[in-house]
Amino acid sequence: VAAGDILLGMRPSGVACADTSGAGGIAPIHSFVELEAALDSAVSTDIELLILRGGQERSSGPMRVEDLFNLSSSAFLECGCGVFQDVTYAAARHLQVPLGCGVMAAESGFVFGPKVPHGAILTDVAGKPVRSVQELAEALGSIRDNAYFECRYICKTKSVARRPCKMLKMSHLLAPLAIWTERPTPDGALRWQCEAVSFREAAMPEPRTPSAAHGGSAGAPSLGLVVFRAPCELATDIIMDRPESSGTKTVERAGVGFLAEPGIVITDRHCVPQPLGDVTVTFSQEETLQAKVLFVHPEWNLVLLGIPIDASKHLRPAWPEGATQRAACGVYVSPGSSLRFVGLDAYGHDVTRQVTVACVALPPPTPTTSPPRFGERNCELMDLADPLPAKWAGLLLDAEGGIV
């Protein structure tokens, strides 16, 4: 049916054509009220429409008359503060896609939110086609923890034939699965019932065998890029800026950490502000390890992260086993001391530079914030004679390689 056609009548599919006077099962249509009544009486059946186009009568169909209540979603999937439901009639009409072509992301949440926009229709997840929330739950449940998977989707701004593909990361801790279904109760009322979906642990891939030890600059411990991610709903100890607090579902922080000893990485609270979150450490831009928060110091700007010991044995620790623990007595500096800076730039490249201490002083007292948040105590500020670039981060070492 095209715009400009004149609707004459409607008949069940397969009935021979007669005329529009009511013979041959044809229901004449002269007003919108008659059209609505005829469609209501033909729900869940196939019909043909008789139209007048260019002065000629012709039939259009067959076409199925669907019940709008059945086209409304009665189930949705929760995943990482996100909500996913079957494609509804309104969404299919808005995006000009057929019903049953995928699962709509009403709220993308923590796992899908960084790269998949709200309102997108997921068509493939982890290499499997998804056409309902049950199929999506099955596909997500087969992904192992901290594994990356592909996701293809359709959105309003893209062609249906060109589906974007994004790489996402699964987190069993921060993205539990649950299906909510609207079901009738014995008294006839409709109630939402929740059913948890368990993850099926897949086989772990074989770990890569490291070739040789590597670290940052000569004599410096291995430095790693630390990335912290957490859902906004669980970011209880993070001060978010305006873009993060309006619309986004994921908070991300990045910084630098160093390998203190095999299995232990030290970073700061500006990078990892709370224990609950997804943390990864990338060494030399080629090896990314999953980390977990072991300890957050309540007063010092210090966080201990745990990484797999076997995967970190080839890295260069700051304090190897059997070495003298110079950190116990500390390293003292004064104005005019010559130090060496080792760290990473904004792209993760190793950088180093000789620097000179200009002054060491106590920081000015800071007022108590509202709401209260972390403020470092018992610290000193050190100014350098030659300031470093703003996007460099790393460590200061003395002449013997001790960490200042």
Protein backbone atom coordinates (compact mmCIF):
# COMPACT_ATOMS: atom_id res chain seq x y z
CA VAL A 1 0.00 0.00 0.00
CA ALA A 2 1.37 3.38 -1.03
CA ALA A 3 0.49 6.93 -0.10
CA GLY A 4 -2.37 8.21 -2.25
CA ASP A 5 -4.13 4.85 -2.60
CA ILE A 6 -7.87 4.76 -1.89
CA LEU A 7 -8.90 1.93 0.43
CA LEU A 8 -12.10 0.27 -0.79
CA GLY A 9 -12.45 -2.82 1.35
CA MET A 10 -10.86 -5.78 3.12
CA ARG A 11 -11.29 -9.54 2.78
CA PRO A 12 -9.73 -12.69 4.26
CA SER A 13 -6.73 -13.97 2.37
CA GLY A 14 -7.53 -16.55 -0.31
CA VAL A 15 -11.14 -15.44 -0.99
CA ALA A 16 -11.94 -14.89 -4.66
CA CYS A 17 -12.48 -11.29 -5.69
CA ALA A 18 -16.06 -10.17 -6.31
CA ASP A 19 -17.08 -6.60 -5.62
CA THR A 20 -17.06 -4.11 -2.74
CA SER A 21 -20.76 -4.44 -1.94
CA GLY A 22 -20.10 -7.08 0.70
CA ALA A 23 -20.24 -10.17 -1.54
CA GLY A 24 -17.45 -12.73 -1.51
CA GLY A 25 -16.46 -12.00 2.10
CA ILE A 26 -15.40 -8.43 1.29
CA ALA A 27 -16.00 -5.85 4.04
CA PRO A 28 -16.48 -2.39 2.49
CA ILE A 29 -14.66 0.42 4.22
CA HIS A 30 -16.05 3.97 4.07
CA SER A 31 -14.56 5.48 7.25
CA PHE A 32 -11.79 5.02 9.77
CA VAL A 33 -14.26 3.55 12.29
CA GLU A 34 -15.16 0.77 9.84
CA LEU A 35 -11.46 0.13 9.15
CA GLU A 36 -10.70 -0.15 12.87
CA ALA A 37 -13.63 -2.52 13.46
CA ALA A 38 -12.62 -4.72 10.53
CA LEU A 39 -9.01 -4.95 11.71
CA ASP A 40 -10.07 -5.74 15.29
CA SER A 41 -12.20 -8.64 14.04
CA ALA A 42 -9.33 -10.05 11.95
CA VAL A 43 -6.60 -10.20 14.61
CA SER A 44 -4.12 -13.09 14.09
CA THR A 45 -5.40 -13.80 10.56
CA ASP A 46 -4.16 -13.02 7.05
CA ILE A 47 -6.08 -10.42 5.03
CA GLU A 48 -5.97 -8.69 1.67
CA LEU A 49 -6.77 -5.03 1.06
CA LEU A 50 -8.70 -3.84 -1.98
CA ILE A 51 -7.38 -0.49 -3.14
CA LEU A 52 -7.96 1.96 -5.97
CA ARG A 53 -4.74 3.12 -7.62
CA GLY A 54 -4.62 5.15 -10.82
CA GLY A 55 -8.31 4.45 -11.52
CA GLN A 56 -7.84 0.68 -11.33
CA GLU A 57 -8.95 -1.67 -8.57
CA ARG A 58 -6.32 -4.10 -7.30
CA SER A 59 -5.62 -6.22 -4.24
CA SER A 60 -2.65 -5.88 -1.86
CA GLY A 61 -1.52 -8.68 0.40
CA PRO A 62 -1.70 -11.09 1.98
CA MET A 63 -0.65 -9.43 5.25
CA ARG A 64 -0.88 -10.52 8.88
CA VAL A 65 -2.98 -8.60 11.41
CA GLU A 66 -1.00 -8.70 14.66
CA ASP A 67 -2.20 -8.01 18.18
CA LEU A 68 -0.47 -4.90 19.53
CA PHE A 69 -0.48 -6.38 23.03
CA ASN A 70 1.54 -9.37 21.78
CA LEU A 71 3.98 -7.00 20.08
CA SER A 72 4.68 -5.22 23.39
CA SER A 73 7.67 -6.57 25.28
CA SER A 74 6.79 -8.65 28.35
CA ALA A 75 10.35 -9.61 29.34
CA PHE A 76 13.68 -7.86 29.72
CA LEU A 77 17.25 -8.78 30.63
CA GLU A 78 19.38 -7.02 33.23
CA CYS A 79 23.15 -6.96 32.66
CA GLY A 80 25.54 -4.62 34.42
CA CYS A 81 22.97 -1.88 35.21
CA GLY A 82 21.69 -2.19 31.63
CA VAL A 83 18.21 -3.16 30.39
CA PHE A 84 17.63 -5.16 27.18
CA GLN A 85 14.26 -6.11 25.70
CA ASP A 86 12.76 -7.61 22.55
CA VAL A 87 12.23 -5.18 19.68
CA THR A 88 8.81 -3.59 20.10
CA TYR A 89 6.48 -2.43 17.35
CA ALA A 90 7.22 1.25 18.07
CA ALA A 91 11.00 0.68 17.94
CA ALA A 92 10.77 -1.33 14.71
CA ARG A 93 8.67 1.39 13.09
CA HIS A 94 11.07 4.11 14.27
CA LEU A 95 14.18 2.34 12.96
CA GLN A 96 12.45 0.86 9.89
CA VAL A 97 13.49 -2.71 10.73
CA PRO A 98 11.43 -5.93 10.88
CA LEU A 99 10.22 -7.35 14.16
CA GLY A 100 12.38 -10.09 15.64
CA CYS A 101 15.59 -8.76 14.08
CA GLY A 102 17.42 -8.45 17.43
CA VAL A 103 17.32 -7.20 21.02
CA MET A 104 16.99 -3.51 21.84
CA ALA A 105 19.31 -1.89 24.40
CA ALA A 106 16.95 0.35 26.37
CA GLU A 107 19.91 1.13 28.70
CA SER A 108 23.36 -0.01 27.58
CA GLY A 109 24.79 -0.36 31.10
CA PHE A 110 28.35 -1.07 32.19
CA VAL A 111 29.41 -3.74 29.69
CA PHE A 112 27.80 -2.30 26.55
CA GLY A 113 27.59 1.35 27.59
CA PRO A 114 31.07 2.59 26.62
CA LYS A 115 30.60 1.72 22.93
CA VAL A 116 26.98 0.73 22.21
CA PRO A 117 24.50 3.66 22.29
CA HIS A 118 21.14 3.56 24.02
CA GLY A 119 18.34 2.46 21.71
CA ALA A 120 20.57 0.31 19.51
CA ILE A 121 19.38 -3.13 18.39
CA LEU A 122 21.85 -5.95 19.09
CA THR A 123 21.95 -8.51 16.29
CA ASP A 124 25.05 -10.62 17.10
CA VAL A 125 26.88 -11.15 20.41
CA ALA A 126 30.02 -13.26 20.75
CA GLY A 127 29.55 -14.59 17.22
CA LYS A 128 25.99 -15.78 17.89
CA PRO A 129 22.80 -14.24 16.44
CA VAL A 130 20.43 -12.94 19.11
CA ARG A 131 16.73 -12.47 18.33
CA SER A 132 15.27 -12.51 21.86
CA VAL A 133 16.31 -11.78 25.42
CA GLN A 134 16.59 -15.53 26.06
CA GLU A 135 19.12 -15.90 23.22
CA LEU A 136 21.02 -12.84 24.48
CA ALA A 137 21.18 -14.29 28.00
CA GLU A 138 22.46 -17.59 26.61
CA ALA A 139 25.14 -15.83 24.55
CA LEU A 140 26.32 -13.65 27.44
CA GLY A 141 26.25 -16.57 29.88
CA SER A 142 28.76 -18.48 27.74
CA ILE A 143 31.40 -15.71 27.89
CA ARG A 144 34.13 -16.26 30.48
CA ASP A 145 35.04 -13.61 33.02
CA ASN A 146 37.24 -10.70 31.80
CA ALA A 147 37.06 -11.97 28.21
CA TYR A 148 36.57 -9.71 25.20
CA PHE A 149 33.76 -10.41 22.73
CA GLU A 150 32.30 -8.90 19.57
CA CYS A 151 28.96 -7.13 19.40
CA ARG A 152 27.15 -6.07 16.23
CA TYR A 153 24.19 -3.72 16.36
CA ILE A 154 21.84 -1.47 14.37
CA CYS A 155 21.28 2.16 15.31
CA LYS A 156 19.33 5.09 13.88
CA THR A 157 22.35 6.92 12.45
CA LYS A 158 23.75 3.91 10.58
CA SER A 159 22.54 1.94 7.58
CA VAL A 160 20.82 -1.33 8.42
CA ALA A 161 23.14 -3.12 5.99
CA ARG A 162 26.26 -1.69 7.70
CA ARG A 163 26.15 -2.89 11.28
CA PRO A 164 28.92 -1.49 13.52
CA CYS A 165 31.07 -4.05 15.35
CA LYS A 166 32.53 -3.26 18.78
CA MET A 167 34.83 -5.16 21.12
CA LEU A 168 33.47 -5.31 24.68
CA LYS A 169 34.71 -6.84 27.92
CA MET A 170 32.66 -9.12 30.15
CA SER A 171 32.73 -8.81 33.95
CA HIS A 172 30.90 -11.44 35.97
CA LEU A 173 31.23 -9.41 39.19
CA LEU A 174 29.87 -6.12 37.85
CA ALA A 175 27.43 -7.51 35.28
CA PRO A 176 25.24 -10.27 36.74
CA LEU A 177 22.46 -11.56 34.48
CA ALA A 178 18.77 -11.73 35.35
CA ILE A 179 15.62 -12.12 33.20
CA TRP A 180 12.41 -10.38 34.32
CA THR A 181 9.18 -11.80 32.87
CA GLU A 182 5.62 -10.52 33.26
CA ARG A 183 3.42 -13.50 34.13
CA PRO A 184 -0.19 -13.83 35.30
CA THR A 185 -0.88 -14.90 38.87
CA PRO A 186 -3.72 -17.24 40.00
CA ASP A 187 -5.88 -14.21 40.84
CA GLY A 188 -5.53 -12.89 37.26
CA ALA A 189 -3.11 -10.04 37.99
CA LEU A 190 0.21 -9.59 36.18
CA ARG A 191 3.41 -9.72 38.21
CA TRP A 192 7.08 -9.38 37.26
CA GLN A 193 9.12 -12.45 38.18
CA CYS A 194 12.92 -12.51 38.23
CA GLU A 195 15.08 -15.47 37.18
CA ALA A 196 18.84 -15.34 37.66
CA VAL A 197 21.02 -16.54 34.78
CA SER A 198 24.23 -18.33 35.75
CA PHE A 199 27.47 -18.01 33.84
CA ARG A 200 28.92 -21.13 32.27
CA GLU A 201 32.67 -21.07 32.65
CA ALA A 202 34.36 -21.68 29.30
CA ALA A 203 37.80 -23.15 28.87
CA MET A 204 40.59 -20.72 29.69
CA PRO A 205 43.02 -19.96 26.85
CA GLU A 206 46.59 -21.08 27.11
CA PRO A 207 48.74 -18.35 28.71
CA ARG A 208 51.38 -16.74 26.54
CA THR A 209 54.90 -17.72 27.45
CA PRO A 210 57.04 -14.59 27.96
CA SER A 211 60.28 -14.46 26.03
CA ALA A 212 62.47 -12.31 28.23
CA ALA A 213 62.36 -9.88 31.12
CA HIS A 214 61.61 -6.31 30.26
CA GLY A 215 61.01 -3.15 32.21
CA GLY A 216 61.05 0.57 31.69
CA SER A 217 64.30 2.48 31.47
CA ALA A 218 67.55 0.87 32.53
CA GLY A 219 67.52 0.08 36.25
CA ALA A 220 63.89 1.12 36.69
CA PRO A 221 61.06 -1.23 37.67
CA SER A 222 58.50 -2.29 35.11
CA LEU A 223 55.87 0.41 34.69
CA GLY A 224 52.32 -0.36 33.65
CA LEU A 225 49.30 1.60 32.49
CA VAL A 226 46.55 1.07 35.08
CA VAL A 227 42.94 1.44 33.90
CA PHE A 228 40.02 1.45 36.34
CA ARG A 229 36.35 1.08 35.29
CA ALA A 230 33.20 0.96 37.39
CA PRO A 231 29.45 1.53 36.87
CA CYS A 232 28.25 4.96 37.99
CA GLU A 233 25.69 3.30 40.28
CA LEU A 234 28.55 1.61 42.19
CA ALA A 235 31.02 4.53 42.10
CA THR A 236 30.48 5.48 45.73
CA ASP A 237 33.97 6.89 46.35
CA ILE A 238 34.55 8.73 43.07
CA ILE A 239 34.08 12.43 42.43
CA MET A 240 32.65 12.65 38.90
CA ASP A 241 32.85 15.66 36.61
CA ARG A 242 29.87 17.06 34.72
CA PRO A 243 30.09 14.83 31.59
CA GLU A 244 30.42 11.70 33.75
CA SER A 245 27.50 12.60 36.01
CA SER A 246 25.08 13.28 33.13
CA GLY A 247 24.15 10.43 30.83
CA THR A 248 27.12 8.07 31.07
CA LYS A 249 26.95 4.70 32.81
CA THR A 250 30.66 4.03 33.26
CA VAL A 251 33.40 5.86 35.16
CA GLU A 252 36.96 5.38 33.89
CA ARG A 253 40.28 6.40 35.43
CA ALA A 254 43.82 5.80 34.16
CA GLY A 255 47.24 6.17 35.72
CA VAL A 256 50.64 4.56 36.15
CA GLY A 257 51.70 1.78 38.49
CA PHE A 258 54.98 -0.06 39.04
CA LEU A 259 55.77 -3.67 39.85
CA ALA A 260 56.90 -3.75 43.49
CA GLU A 261 57.50 -7.52 43.53
CA PRO A 262 56.17 -10.44 41.49
CA GLY A 263 52.41 -10.33 41.74
CA ILE A 264 52.16 -6.88 43.41
CA VAL A 265 51.64 -3.55 41.61
CA ILE A 266 51.61 -0.21 43.45
CA THR A 267 49.53 2.69 42.15
CA ASP A 268 47.67 5.70 43.63
CA ARG A 269 44.12 6.45 44.71
CA HIS A 270 43.54 8.97 41.96
CA CYS A 271 43.75 6.07 39.49
CA VAL A 272 42.02 3.41 41.63
CA PRO A 273 39.72 5.32 43.99
CA GLN A 274 37.81 2.33 45.40
CA PRO A 275 38.15 -1.47 45.68
CA LEU A 276 35.00 -2.26 43.67
CA GLY A 277 35.74 -2.01 39.97
CA ASP A 278 37.38 -3.59 36.94
CA VAL A 279 41.17 -3.00 36.93
CA THR A 280 43.70 -3.91 34.23
CA VAL A 281 47.46 -3.28 34.02
CA THR A 282 49.23 -3.10 30.65
CA PHE A 283 53.02 -3.50 30.46
CA SER A 284 55.07 -2.36 27.47
CA GLN A 285 51.91 -1.79 25.40
CA GLU A 286 51.69 -5.50 24.64
CA GLU A 287 50.68 -7.45 27.74
CA THR A 288 47.46 -6.68 29.62
CA LEU A 289 46.85 -8.43 32.94
CA GLN A 290 43.68 -8.51 34.99
CA ALA A 291 44.22 -7.07 38.47
CA LYS A 292 42.32 -7.01 41.73
CA VAL A 293 42.52 -4.47 44.53
CA LEU A 294 44.27 -5.92 47.57
CA PHE A 295 44.57 -2.86 49.81
CA VAL A 296 43.60 0.81 49.76
CA HIS A 297 45.45 2.92 52.33
CA PRO A 298 43.02 5.10 54.31
CA GLU A 299 45.40 8.10 54.64
CA TRP A 300 48.20 7.73 52.10
CA ASN A 301 47.78 7.94 48.37
CA LEU A 302 48.63 4.25 47.99
CA VAL A 303 46.85 1.25 46.47
CA LEU A 304 48.14 -2.33 46.18
CA LEU A 305 47.00 -4.39 43.20
CA GLY A 306 47.36 -8.12 42.74
CA ILE A 307 48.23 -9.63 39.35
CA PRO A 308 49.05 -13.26 38.38
CA ILE A 309 52.49 -14.13 39.75
CA ASP A 310 53.40 -16.45 36.89
CA ALA A 311 52.58 -13.77 34.33
CA SER A 312 54.74 -11.18 36.12
CA LYS A 313 57.89 -13.21 36.75
CA HIS A 314 59.50 -11.98 33.53
CA LEU A 315 58.95 -8.34 34.55
CA ARG A 316 61.47 -6.27 36.51
CA PRO A 317 60.32 -5.63 40.11
CA ALA A 318 61.36 -2.65 42.17
CA TRP A 319 62.43 -4.85 45.08
CA PRO A 320 63.59 -8.29 43.89
CA GLU A 321 63.68 -11.18 46.32
CA GLY A 322 66.82 -11.11 48.42
CA ALA A 323 67.61 -7.46 47.67
CA THR A 324 68.14 -4.92 50.44
CA GLN A 325 64.89 -3.22 51.30
CA ARG A 326 65.93 0.43 51.06
CA ALA A 327 62.29 1.44 51.10
CA ALA A 328 62.12 0.64 54.83
CA CYS A 329 64.37 3.57 55.75
CA GLY A 330 63.11 5.87 52.99
CA VAL A 331 64.90 8.14 50.53
CA TYR A 332 65.50 11.73 51.57
CA VAL A 333 65.84 14.62 49.13
CA SER A 334 66.57 18.33 49.56
CA PRO A 335 66.58 21.37 47.25
CA GLY A 336 69.24 20.91 44.59
CA SER A 337 69.12 17.09 44.61
CA SER A 338 69.47 15.48 41.20
CA LEU A 339 66.91 12.79 40.44
CA ARG A 340 65.87 10.74 37.43
CA PHE A 341 62.27 10.63 36.26
CA VAL A 342 61.04 7.42 34.58
CA GLY A 343 57.47 7.00 33.44
CA LEU A 344 54.98 6.84 30.61
CA ASP A 345 53.59 9.50 28.32
CA ALA A 346 49.99 9.86 27.16
CA TYR A 347 50.49 7.09 24.57
CA GLY A 348 52.09 4.58 26.96
CA HIS A 349 55.67 5.08 25.69
CA ASP A 350 58.59 4.90 28.12
CA VAL A 351 60.07 8.31 28.92
CA THR A 352 62.97 9.40 31.15
CA ARG A 353 64.58 12.71 32.10
CA GLN A 354 67.06 14.10 34.61
CA VAL A 355 65.41 16.59 36.97
CA THR A 356 66.49 18.83 39.83
CA VAL A 357 64.54 19.45 43.01
CA ALA A 358 63.67 23.12 43.47
CA CYS A 359 62.00 22.99 46.90
CA VAL A 360 60.28 20.65 49.34
CA ALA A 361 57.46 22.00 51.50
CA LEU A 362 54.33 20.99 53.33
CA PRO A 363 51.11 21.44 51.37
CA PRO A 364 48.64 24.12 52.47
CA PRO A 365 45.74 22.88 54.61
CA THR A 366 42.79 21.75 52.53
CA PRO A 367 39.20 22.38 53.66
CA THR A 368 36.90 19.47 54.33
CA THR A 369 34.88 18.64 51.23
CA SER A 370 31.16 18.01 51.20
CA PRO A 371 30.46 15.18 50.92
CA PRO A 372 33.68 14.06 52.64
CA ARG A 373 36.19 12.25 50.43
CA PHE A 374 39.77 11.04 50.49
CA GLY A 375 42.49 13.57 51.31
CA GLU A 376 46.12 12.49 51.59
CA ARG A 377 47.81 13.05 54.96
CA ASN A 378 51.44 13.20 56.12
CA CYS A 379 52.79 14.16 52.71
CA GLU A 380 55.19 16.75 51.31
CA LEU A 381 55.10 18.57 48.00
CA MET A 382 58.20 18.65 45.85
CA ASP A 383 58.64 21.21 43.06
CA LEU A 384 61.03 20.58 40.19
CA ALA A 385 63.23 23.24 38.63
CA ASP A 386 62.25 22.00 35.15
CA PRO A 387 58.57 21.00 35.18
CA LEU A 388 57.64 17.83 33.33
CA PRO A 389 54.97 17.69 30.58
CA ALA A 390 51.47 17.60 32.00
CA LYS A 391 50.63 14.15 30.53
CA TRP A 392 53.71 12.38 31.85
CA ALA A 393 53.32 10.13 34.89
CA GLY A 394 55.82 7.90 36.65
CA LEU A 395 58.46 7.67 39.39
CA LEU A 396 61.42 9.67 40.66
CA LEU A 397 64.60 7.65 41.31
CA ASP A 398 67.76 8.68 43.14
CA ALA A 399 71.31 7.92 41.98
CA GLU A 400 71.17 4.38 43.40
CA GLY A 401 67.80 3.56 41.85
CA GLY A 402 65.76 4.05 45.01
CA ILE A 403 62.16 5.23 44.60
CA VAL A 404 61.60 8.68 46.08
